[in-house]
Amino acid sequence: MTLAEVFRHVETLDGDPWPSVHALAMSGDRSLVPPVQAALERYLDEDDWYGRD
């Protein structure tokens, strides 16, 4: 699963992204940090508890 697919899951609540979230986090790919941080900030601004978690 890609990061885009994880974000899509947050919007649609379709499927279980957690195994993929863990794999992405463990990949060590630091290029994922900026888009994840931007998404987290957006979820916080929108009071989206699911996206925040």
PDB file of N, CA and C in Angstrom:
ATOM      1  N   MET A   1       0.848  -1.162   0.000  1.00  0.00           N
ATOM      2  CA  MET A   1       0.000   0.000   0.000  1.00  0.00           C
ATOM      3  C   MET A   1       0.901   1.235   0.000  1.00  0.00           C
ATOM      4  N   THR A   2       0.495   2.219  -0.724  1.00  0.00           N
ATOM      5  CA  THR A   2       1.248   3.460  -0.783  1.00  0.00           C
ATOM      6  C   THR A   2       0.677   4.470   0.211  1.00  0.00           C
ATOM      7  N   LEU A   3       1.399   5.532   0.421  1.00  0.00           N
ATOM      8  CA  LEU A   3       0.920   6.582   1.310  1.00  0.00           C
ATOM      9  C   LEU A   3      -0.378   7.187   0.789  1.00  0.00           C
ATOM     10  N   ALA A   4      -0.486   7.351  -0.514  1.00  0.00           N
ATOM     11  CA  ALA A   4      -1.720   7.882  -1.109  1.00  0.00           C
ATOM     12  C   ALA A   4      -2.898   6.963  -0.798  1.00  0.00           C
ATOM     13  N   GLU A   5      -2.670   5.670  -0.810  1.00  0.00           N
ATOM     14  CA  GLU A   5      -3.744   4.723  -0.498  1.00  0.00           C
ATOM     15  C   GLU A   5      -4.136   4.810   0.979  1.00  0.00           C
ATOM     16  N   VAL A   6      -3.167   5.049   1.851  1.00  0.00           N
ATOM     17  CA  VAL A   6      -3.485   5.227   3.267  1.00  0.00           C
ATOM     18  C   VAL A   6      -4.349   6.468   3.447  1.00  0.00           C
ATOM     19  N   PHE A   7      -3.965   7.579   2.794  1.00  0.00           N
ATOM     20  CA  PHE A   7      -4.765   8.801   2.884  1.00  0.00           C
ATOM     21  C   PHE A   7      -6.168   8.572   2.325  1.00  0.00           C
ATOM     22  N   ARG A   8      -6.273   7.838   1.229  1.00  0.00           N
ATOM     23  CA  ARG A   8      -7.581   7.545   0.639  1.00  0.00           C
ATOM     24  C   ARG A   8      -8.426   6.730   1.629  1.00  0.00           C
ATOM     25  N   HIS A   9      -7.792   5.803   2.337  1.00  0.00           N
ATOM     26  CA  HIS A   9      -8.514   5.020   3.328  1.00  0.00           C
ATOM     27  C   HIS A   9      -9.095   5.926   4.419  1.00  0.00           C
ATOM     28  N   VAL A  10      -8.324   6.915   4.869  1.00  0.00           N
ATOM     29  CA  VAL A  10      -8.812   7.821   5.908  1.00  0.00           C
ATOM     30  C   VAL A  10     -10.073   8.535   5.430  1.00  0.00           C
ATOM     31  N   GLU A  11     -10.117   8.861   4.153  1.00  0.00           N
ATOM     32  CA  GLU A  11     -11.289   9.555   3.611  1.00  0.00           C
ATOM     33  C   GLU A  11     -12.475   8.628   3.396  1.00  0.00           C
ATOM     34  N   THR A  12     -12.216   7.373   3.011  1.00  0.00           N
ATOM     35  CA  THR A  12     -13.306   6.456   2.674  1.00  0.00           C
ATOM     36  C   THR A  12     -13.620   5.429   3.761  1.00  0.00           C
ATOM     37  N   LEU A  13     -12.685   5.233   4.688  1.00  0.00           N
ATOM     38  CA  LEU A  13     -12.803   4.216   5.749  1.00  0.00           C
ATOM     39  C   LEU A  13     -12.967   2.814   5.173  1.00  0.00           C
ATOM     40  N   ASP A  14     -12.366   2.587   4.027  1.00  0.00           N
ATOM     41  CA  ASP A  14     -12.458   1.301   3.348  1.00  0.00           C
ATOM     42  C   ASP A  14     -11.186   0.484   3.592  1.00  0.00           C
ATOM     43  N   GLY A  15     -11.323  -0.679   4.218  1.00  0.00           N
ATOM     44  CA  GLY A  15     -10.178  -1.551   4.434  1.00  0.00           C
ATOM     45  C   GLY A  15      -9.447  -1.255   5.737  1.00  0.00           C
ATOM     46  N   ASP A  16      -8.324  -1.904   5.923  1.00  0.00           N
ATOM     47  CA  ASP A  16      -7.514  -1.762   7.128  1.00  0.00           C
ATOM     48  C   ASP A  16      -6.123  -1.276   6.737  1.00  0.00           C
ATOM     49  N   PRO A  17      -5.823   0.002   6.970  1.00  0.00           N
ATOM     50  CA  PRO A  17      -4.538   0.531   6.536  1.00  0.00           C
ATOM     51  C   PRO A  17      -3.399   0.265   7.514  1.00  0.00           C
ATOM     52  N   TRP A  18      -3.685  -0.201   8.739  1.00  0.00           N
ATOM     53  CA  TRP A  18      -2.654  -0.242   9.767  1.00  0.00           C
ATOM     54  C   TRP A  18      -1.457  -1.114   9.440  1.00  0.00           C
ATOM     55  N   PRO A  19      -1.611  -2.291   8.847  1.00  0.00           N
ATOM     56  CA  PRO A  19      -0.393  -3.037   8.475  1.00  0.00           C
ATOM     57  C   PRO A  19       0.477  -2.242   7.495  1.00  0.00           C
ATOM     58  N   SER A  20      -0.159  -1.547   6.580  1.00  0.00           N
ATOM     59  CA  SER A  20       0.598  -0.763   5.608  1.00  0.00           C
ATOM     60  C   SER A  20       1.217   0.469   6.242  1.00  0.00           C
ATOM     61  N   VAL A  21       0.499   1.083   7.172  1.00  0.00           N
ATOM     62  CA  VAL A  21       1.046   2.243   7.877  1.00  0.00           C
ATOM     63  C   VAL A  21       2.321   1.814   8.607  1.00  0.00           C
ATOM     64  N   HIS A  22       2.275   0.679   9.261  1.00  0.00           N
ATOM     65  CA  HIS A  22       3.439   0.177   9.984  1.00  0.00           C
ATOM     66  C   HIS A  22       4.596  -0.092   9.011  1.00  0.00           C
ATOM     67  N   ALA A  23       4.300  -0.735   7.891  1.00  0.00           N
ATOM     68  CA  ALA A  23       5.345  -1.029   6.904  1.00  0.00           C
ATOM     69  C   ALA A  23       5.959   0.256   6.344  1.00  0.00           C
ATOM     70  N   LEU A  24       5.118   1.252   6.062  1.00  0.00           N
ATOM     71  CA  LEU A  24       5.631   2.527   5.560  1.00  0.00           C
ATOM     72  C   LEU A  24       6.513   3.192   6.614  1.00  0.00           C
ATOM     73  N   ALA A  25       6.076   3.165   7.871  1.00  0.00           N
ATOM     74  CA  ALA A  25       6.854   3.782   8.947  1.00  0.00           C
ATOM     75  C   ALA A  25       8.199   3.080   9.122  1.00  0.00           C
ATOM     76  N   MET A  26       8.213   1.775   8.996  1.00  0.00           N
ATOM     77  CA  MET A  26       9.442   1.013   9.184  1.00  0.00           C
ATOM     78  C   MET A  26      10.374   1.073   7.977  1.00  0.00           C
ATOM     79  N   SER A  27       9.891   1.609   6.855  1.00  0.00           N
ATOM     80  CA  SER A  27      10.715   1.648   5.645  1.00  0.00           C
ATOM     81  C   SER A  27      11.897   2.603   5.774  1.00  0.00           C
ATOM     82  N   GLY A  28      11.771   3.578   6.686  1.00  0.00           N
ATOM     83  CA  GLY A  28      12.857   4.538   6.847  1.00  0.00           C
ATOM     84  C   GLY A  28      12.897   5.595   5.761  1.00  0.00           C
ATOM     85  N   ASP A  29      11.876   5.638   4.924  1.00  0.00           N
ATOM     86  CA  ASP A  29      11.823   6.601   3.823  1.00  0.00           C
ATOM     87  C   ASP A  29      11.456   7.979   4.371  1.00  0.00           C
ATOM     88  N   ARG A  30      12.448   8.826   4.549  1.00  0.00           N
ATOM     89  CA  ARG A  30      12.236  10.147   5.131  1.00  0.00           C
ATOM     90  C   ARG A  30      11.478  11.085   4.200  1.00  0.00           C
ATOM     91  N   SER A  31      11.344  10.718   2.932  1.00  0.00           N
ATOM     92  CA  SER A  31      10.568  11.561   2.011  1.00  0.00           C
ATOM     93  C   SER A  31       9.080  11.512   2.347  1.00  0.00           C
ATOM     94  N   LEU A  32       8.670  10.557   3.175  1.00  0.00           N
ATOM     95  CA  LEU A  32       7.268  10.449   3.589  1.00  0.00           C
ATOM     96  C   LEU A  32       6.916  11.450   4.681  1.00  0.00           C
ATOM     97  N   VAL A  33       7.917  12.000   5.366  1.00  0.00           N
ATOM     98  CA  VAL A  33       7.658  12.879   6.502  1.00  0.00           C
ATOM     99  C   VAL A  33       6.867  14.130   6.116  1.00  0.00           C
ATOM    100  N   PRO A  34       7.272  14.908   5.106  1.00  0.00           N
ATOM    101  CA  PRO A  34       6.505  16.125   4.787  1.00  0.00           C
ATOM    102  C   PRO A  34       5.037  15.882   4.428  1.00  0.00           C
ATOM    103  N   PRO A  35       4.715  14.897   3.569  1.00  0.00           N
ATOM    104  CA  PRO A  35       3.291  14.707   3.271  1.00  0.00           C
ATOM    105  C   PRO A  35       2.493  14.189   4.471  1.00  0.00           C
ATOM    106  N   VAL A  36       3.120  13.384   5.314  1.00  0.00           N
ATOM    107  CA  VAL A  36       2.422  12.892   6.505  1.00  0.00           C
ATOM    108  C   VAL A  36       2.186  14.043   7.483  1.00  0.00           C
ATOM    109  N   GLN A  37       3.184  14.893   7.658  1.00  0.00           N
ATOM    110  CA  GLN A  37       3.023  16.033   8.550  1.00  0.00           C
ATOM    111  C   GLN A  37       1.933  16.981   8.038  1.00  0.00           C
ATOM    112  N   ALA A  38       1.920  17.223   6.730  1.00  0.00           N
ATOM    113  CA  ALA A  38       0.890  18.097   6.145  1.00  0.00           C
ATOM    114  C   ALA A  38      -0.496  17.493   6.333  1.00  0.00           C
ATOM    115  N   ALA A  39      -0.620  16.191   6.139  1.00  0.00           N
ATOM    116  CA  ALA A  39      -1.917  15.527   6.319  1.00  0.00           C
ATOM    117  C   ALA A  39      -2.349  15.591   7.778  1.00  0.00           C
ATOM    118  N   LEU A  40      -1.430  15.363   8.695  1.00  0.00           N
ATOM    119  CA  LEU A  40      -1.769  15.426  10.107  1.00  0.00           C
ATOM    120  C   LEU A  40      -2.259  16.818  10.492  1.00  0.00           C
ATOM    121  N   GLU A  41      -1.578  17.832  10.015  1.00  0.00           N
ATOM    122  CA  GLU A  41      -2.008  19.200  10.293  1.00  0.00           C
ATOM    123  C   GLU A  41      -3.395  19.474   9.720  1.00  0.00           C
ATOM    124  N   ARG A  42      -3.653  18.963   8.507  1.00  0.00           N
ATOM    125  CA  ARG A  42      -4.981  19.138   7.895  1.00  0.00           C
ATOM    126  C   ARG A  42      -6.043  18.416   8.720  1.00  0.00           C
ATOM    127  N   TYR A  43      -5.767  17.185   9.141  1.00  0.00           N
ATOM    128  CA  TYR A  43      -6.731  16.432   9.940  1.00  0.00           C
ATOM    129  C   TYR A  43      -7.004  17.144  11.264  1.00  0.00           C
ATOM    130  N   LEU A  44      -5.976  17.701  11.876  1.00  0.00           N
ATOM    131  CA  LEU A  44      -6.164  18.433  13.125  1.00  0.00           C
ATOM    132  C   LEU A  44      -7.018  19.673  12.912  1.00  0.00           C
ATOM    133  N   ASP A  45      -6.744  20.403  11.833  1.00  0.00           N
ATOM    134  CA  ASP A  45      -7.537  21.602  11.516  1.00  0.00           C
ATOM    135  C   ASP A  45      -9.004  21.259  11.261  1.00  0.00           C
ATOM    136  N   GLU A  46      -9.247  20.090  10.685  1.00  0.00           N
ATOM    137  CA  GLU A  46     -10.606  19.658  10.351  1.00  0.00           C
ATOM    138  C   GLU A  46     -11.287  18.911  11.508  1.00  0.00           C
ATOM    139  N   ASP A  47     -10.585  18.778  12.648  1.00  0.00           N
ATOM    140  CA  ASP A  47     -11.092  17.973  13.761  1.00  0.00           C
ATOM    141  C   ASP A  47     -11.448  16.553  13.331  1.00  0.00           C
ATOM    142  N   ASP A  48     -10.659  16.007  12.429  1.00  0.00           N
ATOM    143  CA  ASP A  48     -10.851  14.644  11.920  1.00  0.00           C
ATOM    144  C   ASP A  48     -10.107  13.689  12.845  1.00  0.00           C
ATOM    145  N   TRP A  49     -10.836  13.137  13.823  1.00  0.00           N
ATOM    146  CA  TRP A  49     -10.187  12.284  14.811  1.00  0.00           C
ATOM    147  C   TRP A  49      -9.635  11.009  14.195  1.00  0.00           C
ATOM    148  N   TYR A  50     -10.307  10.492  13.173  1.00  0.00           N
ATOM    149  CA  TYR A  50      -9.818   9.256  12.552  1.00  0.00           C
ATOM    150  C   TYR A  50      -8.500   9.514  11.821  1.00  0.00           C
ATOM    151  N   GLY A  51      -8.444  10.592  11.046  1.00  0.00           N
ATOM    152  CA  GLY A  51      -7.209  10.939  10.353  1.00  0.00           C
ATOM    153  C   GLY A  51      -6.098  11.277  11.317  1.00  0.00           C
ATOM    154  N   ARG A  52      -6.448  11.964  12.393  1.00  0.00           N
ATOM    155  CA  ARG A  52      -5.449  12.322  13.398  1.00  0.00           C
ATOM    156  C   ARG A  52      -4.823  11.077  14.010  1.00  0.00           C
ATOM    157  N   ASP A  53      -5.652  10.100  14.331  1.00  0.00           N
ATOM    158  CA  ASP A  53      -5.143   8.875  14.965  1.00  0.00           C
ATOM    159  C   ASP A  53      -4.368   8.041  13.961  1.00  0.00           C
TER     160      ASP A  53
END
